[in-house]
PDB file of all heavy atoms in Angstrom:
ATOM      1  N   ARG A   1       0.810  -1.216   0.000  1.00  0.00           N
ATOM      2  CA  ARG A   1       0.000   0.000   0.000  1.00  0.00           C
ATOM      3  C   ARG A   1       0.845   1.269   0.000  1.00  0.00           C
ATOM      4  O   ARG A   1       0.490   2.244  -0.661  1.00  0.00           O
ATOM      5  CB  ARG A   1      -0.931   0.026   1.208  1.00  0.00           C
ATOM      6  CG  ARG A   1      -1.906  -1.135   1.265  1.00  0.00           C
ATOM      7  CD  ARG A   1      -2.947  -0.921   2.363  1.00  0.00           C
ATOM      8  NE  ARG A   1      -2.328  -0.816   3.681  1.00  0.00           N
ATOM      9  CZ  ARG A   1      -2.485   0.215   4.502  1.00  0.00           C
ATOM     10  NH1 ARG A   1      -3.256   1.242   4.148  1.00  0.00           N
ATOM     11  NH2 ARG A   1      -1.900   0.218   5.689  1.00  0.00           N
ATOM     12  N   PHE A   2       1.935   1.257   0.757  1.00  0.00           N
ATOM     13  CA  PHE A   2       2.797   2.431   0.881  1.00  0.00           C
ATOM     14  C   PHE A   2       4.114   2.176   0.163  1.00  0.00           C
ATOM     15  O   PHE A   2       4.606   1.039   0.125  1.00  0.00           O
ATOM     16  CB  PHE A   2       3.105   2.747   2.342  1.00  0.00           C
ATOM     17  CG  PHE A   2       1.917   3.106   3.195  1.00  0.00           C
ATOM     18  CD1 PHE A   2       2.089   3.361   4.543  1.00  0.00           C
ATOM     19  CD2 PHE A   2       0.634   3.197   2.666  1.00  0.00           C
ATOM     20  CE1 PHE A   2       1.017   3.698   5.347  1.00  0.00           C
ATOM     21  CE2 PHE A   2      -0.453   3.526   3.458  1.00  0.00           C
ATOM     22  CZ  PHE A   2      -0.257   3.781   4.804  1.00  0.00           C
ATOM     23  N   THR A   3       4.696   3.243  -0.365  1.00  0.00           N
ATOM     24  CA  THR A   3       5.987   3.150  -1.027  1.00  0.00           C
ATOM     25  C   THR A   3       6.852   4.334  -0.638  1.00  0.00           C
ATOM     26  O   THR A   3       6.456   5.486  -0.827  1.00  0.00           O
ATOM     27  CB  THR A   3       5.846   3.114  -2.554  1.00  0.00           C
ATOM     28  OG1 THR A   3       4.999   2.030  -2.944  1.00  0.00           O
ATOM     29  CG2 THR A   3       7.213   2.928  -3.204  1.00  0.00           C
ATOM     30  N   ILE A   4       8.036   4.044  -0.086  1.00  0.00           N
ATOM     31  CA  ILE A   4       8.989   5.097   0.206  1.00  0.00           C
ATOM     32  C   ILE A   4       9.876   5.307  -1.020  1.00  0.00           C
ATOM     33  O   ILE A   4      10.242   4.353  -1.708  1.00  0.00           O
ATOM     34  CB  ILE A   4       9.830   4.778   1.457  1.00  0.00           C
ATOM     35  CG1 ILE A   4      10.647   5.991   1.893  1.00  0.00           C
ATOM     36  CG2 ILE A   4      10.713   3.560   1.237  1.00  0.00           C
ATOM     37  CD1 ILE A   4      11.307   5.830   3.254  1.00  0.00           C
ATOM     38  N   SER A   5      10.205   6.549  -1.297  1.00  0.00           N
ATOM     39  CA  SER A   5      11.070   6.881  -2.417  1.00  0.00           C
ATOM     40  C   SER A   5      11.833   8.155  -2.090  1.00  0.00           C
ATOM     41  O   SER A   5      11.608   8.775  -1.048  1.00  0.00           O
ATOM     42  CB  SER A   5      10.268   7.049  -3.714  1.00  0.00           C
ATOM     43  OG  SER A   5       9.351   8.120  -3.612  1.00  0.00           O
ATOM     44  N   ARG A   6      12.733   8.548  -2.983  1.00  0.00           N
ATOM     45  CA  ARG A   6      13.525   9.741  -2.729  1.00  0.00           C
ATOM     46  C   ARG A   6      13.891  10.444  -4.023  1.00  0.00           C
ATOM     47  O   ARG A   6      13.917   9.845  -5.098  1.00  0.00           O
ATOM     48  CB  ARG A   6      14.806   9.391  -1.966  1.00  0.00           C
ATOM     49  CG  ARG A   6      15.791   8.572  -2.792  1.00  0.00           C
ATOM     50  CD  ARG A   6      17.022   8.191  -1.998  1.00  0.00           C
ATOM     51  NE  ARG A   6      17.973   7.445  -2.821  1.00  0.00           N
ATOM     52  CZ  ARG A   6      19.101   6.916  -2.374  1.00  0.00           C
ATOM     53  NH1 ARG A   6      19.426   7.036  -1.094  1.00  0.00           N
ATOM     54  NH2 ARG A   6      19.893   6.260  -3.203  1.00  0.00           N
ATOM     55  N   ASP A   7      14.173  11.725  -3.892  1.00  0.00           N
ATOM     56  CA  ASP A   7      14.741  12.525  -4.965  1.00  0.00           C
ATOM     57  C   ASP A   7      16.005  13.140  -4.387  1.00  0.00           C
ATOM     58  O   ASP A   7      15.947  14.117  -3.639  1.00  0.00           O
ATOM     59  CB  ASP A   7      13.759  13.592  -5.435  1.00  0.00           C
ATOM     60  CG  ASP A   7      14.245  14.342  -6.661  1.00  0.00           C
ATOM     61  OD1 ASP A   7      15.468  14.495  -6.837  1.00  0.00           O
ATOM     62  OD2 ASP A   7      13.391  14.788  -7.455  1.00  0.00           O
ATOM     63  N   VAL A   8      17.145  12.551  -4.707  1.00  0.00           N
ATOM     64  CA  VAL A   8      18.413  12.981  -4.131  1.00  0.00           C
ATOM     65  C   VAL A   8      18.721  14.431  -4.481  1.00  0.00           C
ATOM     66  O   VAL A   8      19.198  15.198  -3.645  1.00  0.00           O
ATOM     67  CB  VAL A   8      19.557  12.051  -4.583  1.00  0.00           C
ATOM     68  CG1 VAL A   8      20.904  12.581  -4.104  1.00  0.00           C
ATOM     69  CG2 VAL A   8      19.327  10.642  -4.061  1.00  0.00           C
ATOM     70  N   ALA A   9      18.441  14.824  -5.719  1.00  0.00           N
ATOM     71  CA  ALA A   9      18.719  16.182  -6.154  1.00  0.00           C
ATOM     72  C   ALA A   9      17.938  17.211  -5.354  1.00  0.00           C
ATOM     73  O   ALA A   9      18.393  18.340  -5.164  1.00  0.00           O
ATOM     74  CB  ALA A   9      18.428  16.336  -7.641  1.00  0.00           C
ATOM     75  N   LYS A  10      16.750  16.835  -4.898  1.00  0.00           N
ATOM     76  CA  LYS A  10      15.909  17.739  -4.121  1.00  0.00           C
ATOM     77  C   LYS A  10      16.039  17.522  -2.614  1.00  0.00           C
ATOM     78  O   LYS A  10      15.359  18.196  -1.836  1.00  0.00           O
ATOM     79  CB  LYS A  10      14.445  17.581  -4.531  1.00  0.00           C
ATOM     80  CG  LYS A  10      14.158  18.004  -5.955  1.00  0.00           C
ATOM     81  CD  LYS A  10      12.682  17.857  -6.280  1.00  0.00           C
ATOM     82  CE  LYS A  10      12.383  18.322  -7.690  1.00  0.00           C
ATOM     83  NZ  LYS A  10      10.946  18.172  -8.028  1.00  0.00           N
ATOM     84  N   ASN A  11      16.886  16.590  -2.214  1.00  0.00           N
ATOM     85  CA  ASN A  11      17.061  16.256  -0.798  1.00  0.00           C
ATOM     86  C   ASN A  11      15.726  15.966  -0.122  1.00  0.00           C
ATOM     87  O   ASN A  11      15.457  16.413   1.000  1.00  0.00           O
ATOM     88  CB  ASN A  11      17.801  17.376  -0.062  1.00  0.00           C
ATOM     89  CG  ASN A  11      19.255  17.473  -0.466  1.00  0.00           C
ATOM     90  OD1 ASN A  11      19.934  16.456  -0.615  1.00  0.00           O
ATOM     91  ND2 ASN A  11      19.741  18.691  -0.649  1.00  0.00           N
ATOM     92  N   THR A  12      14.911  15.189  -0.788  1.00  0.00           N
ATOM     93  CA  THR A  12      13.554  14.942  -0.330  1.00  0.00           C
ATOM     94  C   THR A  12      13.232  13.456  -0.366  1.00  0.00           C
ATOM     95  O   THR A  12      13.580  12.763  -1.329  1.00  0.00           O
ATOM     96  CB  THR A  12      12.537  15.712  -1.185  1.00  0.00           C
ATOM     97  OG1 THR A  12      12.821  17.115  -1.114  1.00  0.00           O
ATOM     98  CG2 THR A  12      11.118  15.470  -0.688  1.00  0.00           C
ATOM     99  N   VAL A  13      12.583  12.989   0.685  1.00  0.00           N
ATOM    100  CA  VAL A  13      12.079  11.629   0.776  1.00  0.00           C
ATOM    101  C   VAL A  13      10.560  11.678   0.780  1.00  0.00           C
ATOM    102  O   VAL A  13       9.968  12.566   1.399  1.00  0.00           O
ATOM    103  CB  VAL A  13      12.608  10.924   2.036  1.00  0.00           C
ATOM    104  CG1 VAL A  13      11.965   9.552   2.204  1.00  0.00           C
ATOM    105  CG2 VAL A  13      14.118  10.779   1.957  1.00  0.00           C
ATOM    106  N   TYR A  14       9.951  10.739   0.096  1.00  0.00           N
ATOM    107  CA  TYR A  14       8.503  10.709  -0.044  1.00  0.00           C
ATOM    108  C   TYR A  14       7.926   9.428   0.543  1.00  0.00           C
ATOM    109  O   TYR A  14       8.600   8.403   0.657  1.00  0.00           O
ATOM    110  CB  TYR A  14       8.101  10.783  -1.517  1.00  0.00           C
ATOM    111  CG  TYR A  14       8.633  11.984  -2.249  1.00  0.00           C
ATOM    112  CD1 TYR A  14       9.802  11.904  -2.997  1.00  0.00           C
ATOM    113  CD2 TYR A  14       7.973  13.206  -2.199  1.00  0.00           C
ATOM    114  CE1 TYR A  14      10.295  13.002  -3.674  1.00  0.00           C
ATOM    115  CE2 TYR A  14       8.459  14.313  -2.869  1.00  0.00           C
ATOM    116  CZ  TYR A  14       9.620  14.203  -3.609  1.00  0.00           C
ATOM    117  OH  TYR A  14      10.105  15.304  -4.276  1.00  0.00           O
ATOM    118  N   LEU A  15       6.664   9.499   0.896  1.00  0.00           N
ATOM    119  CA  LEU A  15       5.899   8.315   1.246  1.00  0.00           C
ATOM    120  C   LEU A  15       4.574   8.379   0.498  1.00  0.00           C
ATOM    121  O   LEU A  15       3.712   9.189   0.829  1.00  0.00           O
ATOM    122  CB  LEU A  15       5.647   8.218   2.752  1.00  0.00           C
ATOM    123  CG  LEU A  15       4.924   6.950   3.207  1.00  0.00           C
ATOM    124  CD1 LEU A  15       5.826   5.730   3.025  1.00  0.00           C
ATOM    125  CD2 LEU A  15       4.486   7.063   4.664  1.00  0.00           C
ATOM    126  N   GLN A  16       4.445   7.547  -0.522  1.00  0.00           N
ATOM    127  CA  GLN A  16       3.193   7.436  -1.251  1.00  0.00           C
ATOM    128  C   GLN A  16       2.299   6.468  -0.507  1.00  0.00           C
ATOM    129  O   GLN A  16       2.674   5.316  -0.284  1.00  0.00           O
ATOM    130  CB  GLN A  16       3.437   6.941  -2.676  1.00  0.00           C
ATOM    131  CG  GLN A  16       2.167   6.782  -3.504  1.00  0.00           C
ATOM    132  CD  GLN A  16       1.477   8.099  -3.780  1.00  0.00           C
ATOM    133  OE1 GLN A  16       2.118   9.070  -4.171  1.00  0.00           O
ATOM    134  NE2 GLN A  16       0.168   8.149  -3.555  1.00  0.00           N
ATOM    135  N   MET A  17       1.126   6.930  -0.125  1.00  0.00           N
ATOM    136  CA  MET A  17       0.205   6.159   0.690  1.00  0.00           C
ATOM    137  C   MET A  17      -1.071   5.924  -0.102  1.00  0.00           C
ATOM    138  O   MET A  17      -1.807   6.866  -0.395  1.00  0.00           O
ATOM    139  CB  MET A  17      -0.111   6.885   1.994  1.00  0.00           C
ATOM    140  CG  MET A  17       1.138   7.342   2.751  1.00  0.00           C
ATOM    141  SD  MET A  17       0.767   8.501   4.098  1.00  0.00           S
ATOM    142  CE  MET A  17      -0.107   7.434   5.228  1.00  0.00           C
ATOM    143  N   ASN A  18      -1.327   4.679  -0.456  1.00  0.00           N
ATOM    144  CA  ASN A  18      -2.518   4.296  -1.197  1.00  0.00           C
ATOM    145  C   ASN A  18      -3.381   3.369  -0.355  1.00  0.00           C
ATOM    146  O   ASN A  18      -2.922   2.787   0.620  1.00  0.00           O
ATOM    147  CB  ASN A  18      -2.141   3.601  -2.506  1.00  0.00           C
ATOM    148  CG  ASN A  18      -1.335   4.475  -3.434  1.00  0.00           C
ATOM    149  OD1 ASN A  18      -1.538   5.683  -3.512  1.00  0.00           O
ATOM    150  ND2 ASN A  18      -0.411   3.865  -4.172  1.00  0.00           N
ATOM    151  N   SER A  19      -4.629   3.218  -0.765  1.00  0.00           N
ATOM    152  CA  SER A  19      -5.572   2.327  -0.084  1.00  0.00           C
ATOM    153  C   SER A  19      -5.594   2.584   1.421  1.00  0.00           C
ATOM    154  O   SER A  19      -5.523   1.663   2.232  1.00  0.00           O
ATOM    155  CB  SER A  19      -5.225   0.865  -0.375  1.00  0.00           C
ATOM    156  OG  SER A  19      -5.247   0.601  -1.761  1.00  0.00           O
ATOM    157  N   LEU A  20      -5.694   3.831   1.777  1.00  0.00           N
ATOM    158  CA  LEU A  20      -5.616   4.214   3.184  1.00  0.00           C
ATOM    159  C   LEU A  20      -6.794   3.676   3.985  1.00  0.00           C
ATOM    160  O   LEU A  20      -7.924   3.599   3.492  1.00  0.00           O
ATOM    161  CB  LEU A  20      -5.534   5.727   3.312  1.00  0.00           C
ATOM    162  CG  LEU A  20      -4.160   6.309   2.988  1.00  0.00           C
ATOM    163  CD1 LEU A  20      -4.261   7.793   2.676  1.00  0.00           C
ATOM    164  CD2 LEU A  20      -3.203   6.077   4.157  1.00  0.00           C
ATOM    165  N   LYS A  21      -6.499   3.306   5.218  1.00  0.00           N
ATOM    166  CA  LYS A  21      -7.477   2.753   6.138  1.00  0.00           C
ATOM    167  C   LYS A  21      -7.582   3.643   7.369  1.00  0.00           C
ATOM    168  O   LYS A  21      -6.640   4.359   7.700  1.00  0.00           O
ATOM    169  CB  LYS A  21      -7.058   1.342   6.576  1.00  0.00           C
ATOM    170  CG  LYS A  21      -6.816   0.376   5.437  1.00  0.00           C
ATOM    171  CD  LYS A  21      -6.257  -0.944   5.957  1.00  0.00           C
ATOM    172  CE  LYS A  21      -5.985  -1.912   4.827  1.00  0.00           C
ATOM    173  NZ  LYS A  21      -5.407  -3.186   5.333  1.00  0.00           N
ATOM    174  N   PRO A  22      -8.711   3.588   8.080  1.00  0.00           N
ATOM    175  CA  PRO A  22      -8.825   4.384   9.306  1.00  0.00           C
ATOM    176  C   PRO A  22      -7.695   4.127  10.296  1.00  0.00           C
ATOM    177  O   PRO A  22      -7.271   5.060  10.994  1.00  0.00           O
ATOM    178  CB  PRO A  22     -10.182   3.957   9.870  1.00  0.00           C
ATOM    179  CG  PRO A  22     -10.974   3.584   8.668  1.00  0.00           C
ATOM    180  CD  PRO A  22      -9.984   2.932   7.738  1.00  0.00           C
ATOM    181  N   GLU A  23      -7.200   2.902  10.363  1.00  0.00           N
ATOM    182  CA  GLU A  23      -6.122   2.583  11.285  1.00  0.00           C
ATOM    183  C   GLU A  23      -4.785   3.193  10.893  1.00  0.00           C
ATOM    184  O   GLU A  23      -3.815   3.115  11.649  1.00  0.00           O
ATOM    185  CB  GLU A  23      -5.971   1.063  11.457  1.00  0.00           C
ATOM    186  CG  GLU A  23      -5.882   0.301  10.150  1.00  0.00           C
ATOM    187  CD  GLU A  23      -7.214  -0.291   9.719  1.00  0.00           C
ATOM    188  OE1 GLU A  23      -8.236   0.419   9.798  1.00  0.00           O
ATOM    189  OE2 GLU A  23      -7.231  -1.471   9.305  1.00  0.00           O
ATOM    190  N   ASP A  24      -4.712   3.803   9.712  1.00  0.00           N
ATOM    191  CA  ASP A  24      -3.520   4.544   9.310  1.00  0.00           C
ATOM    192  C   ASP A  24      -3.484   5.942   9.916  1.00  0.00           C
ATOM    193  O   ASP A  24      -2.480   6.645   9.775  1.00  0.00           O
ATOM    194  CB  ASP A  24      -3.429   4.655   7.789  1.00  0.00           C
ATOM    195  CG  ASP A  24      -3.254   3.309   7.110  1.00  0.00           C
ATOM    196  OD1 ASP A  24      -2.474   2.477   7.617  1.00  0.00           O
ATOM    197  OD2 ASP A  24      -3.899   3.098   6.054  1.00  0.00           O
ATOM    198  N   THR A  25      -4.564   6.349  10.554  1.00  0.00           N
ATOM    199  CA  THR A  25      -4.626   7.670  11.165  1.00  0.00           C
ATOM    200  C   THR A  25      -3.552   7.818  12.233  1.00  0.00           C
ATOM    201  O   THR A  25      -3.477   7.021  13.166  1.00  0.00           O
ATOM    202  CB  THR A  25      -6.007   7.918  11.775  1.00  0.00           C
ATOM    203  OG1 THR A  25      -6.992   7.914  10.738  1.00  0.00           O
ATOM    204  CG2 THR A  25      -6.060   9.258  12.495  1.00  0.00           C
ATOM    205  N   ALA A  26      -2.712   8.829  12.091  1.00  0.00           N
ATOM    206  CA  ALA A  26      -1.596   9.038  13.002  1.00  0.00           C
ATOM    207  C   ALA A  26      -0.871  10.318  12.610  1.00  0.00           C
ATOM    208  O   ALA A  26      -1.120  10.891  11.551  1.00  0.00           O
ATOM    209  CB  ALA A  26      -0.618   7.860  12.953  1.00  0.00           C
ATOM    210  N   VAL A  27       0.036  10.735  13.472  1.00  0.00           N
ATOM    211  CA  VAL A  27       1.010  11.745  13.098  1.00  0.00           C
ATOM    212  C   VAL A  27       2.194  11.019  12.481  1.00  0.00           C
ATOM    213  O   VAL A  27       2.740  10.094  13.088  1.00  0.00           O
ATOM    214  CB  VAL A  27       1.464  12.592  14.297  1.00  0.00           C
ATOM    215  CG1 VAL A  27       2.536  13.596  13.873  1.00  0.00           C
ATOM    216  CG2 VAL A  27       0.274  13.322  14.908  1.00  0.00           C
ATOM    217  N   TYR A  28       2.577  11.429  11.298  1.00  0.00           N
ATOM    218  CA  TYR A  28       3.675  10.804  10.581  1.00  0.00           C
ATOM    219  C   TYR A  28       4.920  11.665  10.696  1.00  0.00           C
ATOM    220  O   TYR A  28       4.887  12.868  10.427  1.00  0.00           O
ATOM    221  CB  TYR A  28       3.305  10.585   9.111  1.00  0.00           C
ATOM    222  CG  TYR A  28       2.363   9.421   8.920  1.00  0.00           C
ATOM    223  CD1 TYR A  28       1.036   9.504   9.337  1.00  0.00           C
ATOM    224  CD2 TYR A  28       2.802   8.234   8.335  1.00  0.00           C
ATOM    225  CE1 TYR A  28       0.179   8.430   9.191  1.00  0.00           C
ATOM    226  CE2 TYR A  28       1.946   7.159   8.179  1.00  0.00           C
ATOM    227  CZ  TYR A  28       0.635   7.267   8.611  1.00  0.00           C
ATOM    228  OH  TYR A  28      -0.211   6.193   8.451  1.00  0.00           O
ATOM    229  N   TYR A  29       6.028  11.033  11.088  1.00  0.00           N
ATOM    230  CA  TYR A  29       7.282  11.729  11.332  1.00  0.00           C
ATOM    231  C   TYR A  29       8.363  11.260  10.375  1.00  0.00           C
ATOM    232  O   TYR A  29       8.531  10.059  10.151  1.00  0.00           O
ATOM    233  CB  TYR A  29       7.776  11.479  12.761  1.00  0.00           C
ATOM    234  CG  TYR A  29       6.878  12.027  13.839  1.00  0.00           C
ATOM    235  CD1 TYR A  29       5.899  11.233  14.426  1.00  0.00           C
ATOM    236  CD2 TYR A  29       7.018  13.336  14.278  1.00  0.00           C
ATOM    237  CE1 TYR A  29       5.077  11.729  15.421  1.00  0.00           C
ATOM    238  CE2 TYR A  29       6.204  13.842  15.272  1.00  0.00           C
ATOM    239  CZ  TYR A  29       5.235  13.030  15.844  1.00  0.00           C
ATOM    240  OH  TYR A  29       4.427  13.531  16.832  1.00  0.00           O
ATOM    241  N   CYS A  30       9.104  12.202   9.851  1.00  0.00           N
ATOM    242  CA  CYS A  30      10.287  11.894   9.062  1.00  0.00           C
ATOM    243  C   CYS A  30      11.473  11.687   9.990  1.00  0.00           C
ATOM    244  O   CYS A  30      11.620  12.396  10.993  1.00  0.00           O
ATOM    245  CB  CYS A  30      10.571  13.034   8.084  1.00  0.00           C
ATOM    246  SG  CYS A  30      11.958  12.737   6.969  1.00  0.00           S
ATOM    247  N   ASN A  31      12.315  10.730   9.652  1.00  0.00           N
ATOM    248  CA  ASN A  31      13.477  10.382  10.460  1.00  0.00           C
ATOM    249  C   ASN A  31      14.720  10.300   9.592  1.00  0.00           C
ATOM    250  O   ASN A  31      14.664   9.832   8.457  1.00  0.00           O
ATOM    251  CB  ASN A  31      13.237   9.034  11.153  1.00  0.00           C
ATOM    252  CG  ASN A  31      14.493   8.446  11.764  1.00  0.00           C
ATOM    253  OD1 ASN A  31      15.178   7.632  11.138  1.00  0.00           O
ATOM    254  ND2 ASN A  31      14.797   8.849  12.986  1.00  0.00           N
ATOM    255  N   ALA A  32      15.836  10.747  10.141  1.00  0.00           N
ATOM    256  CA  ALA A  32      17.132  10.602   9.487  1.00  0.00           C
ATOM    257  C   ALA A  32      18.138  10.121  10.511  1.00  0.00           C
ATOM    258  O   ALA A  32      18.250  10.702  11.594  1.00  0.00           O
ATOM    259  CB  ALA A  32      17.586  11.917   8.865  1.00  0.00           C
ATOM    260  N   GLN A  33      18.864   9.075  10.175  1.00  0.00           N
ATOM    261  CA  GLN A  33      19.832   8.464  11.070  1.00  0.00           C
ATOM    262  C   GLN A  33      21.236   8.675  10.527  1.00  0.00           C
ATOM    263  O   GLN A  33      21.510   8.356   9.373  1.00  0.00           O
ATOM    264  CB  GLN A  33      19.531   6.971  11.213  1.00  0.00           C
ATOM    265  CG  GLN A  33      20.352   6.265  12.264  1.00  0.00           C
ATOM    266  CD  GLN A  33      19.917   4.825  12.424  1.00  0.00           C
ATOM    267  OE1 GLN A  33      20.214   3.984  11.572  1.00  0.00           O
ATOM    268  NE2 GLN A  33      19.199   4.536  13.500  1.00  0.00           N
TER     269      GLN A  33
END
């Protein structure tokens, strides 16, 4: 359902979220290690 991807040139990470369900309700946080 979800796919993580990135655009290195834009220094951006994405999360494509499809077929969303009520249980997906949350605060979503980006993380870098």
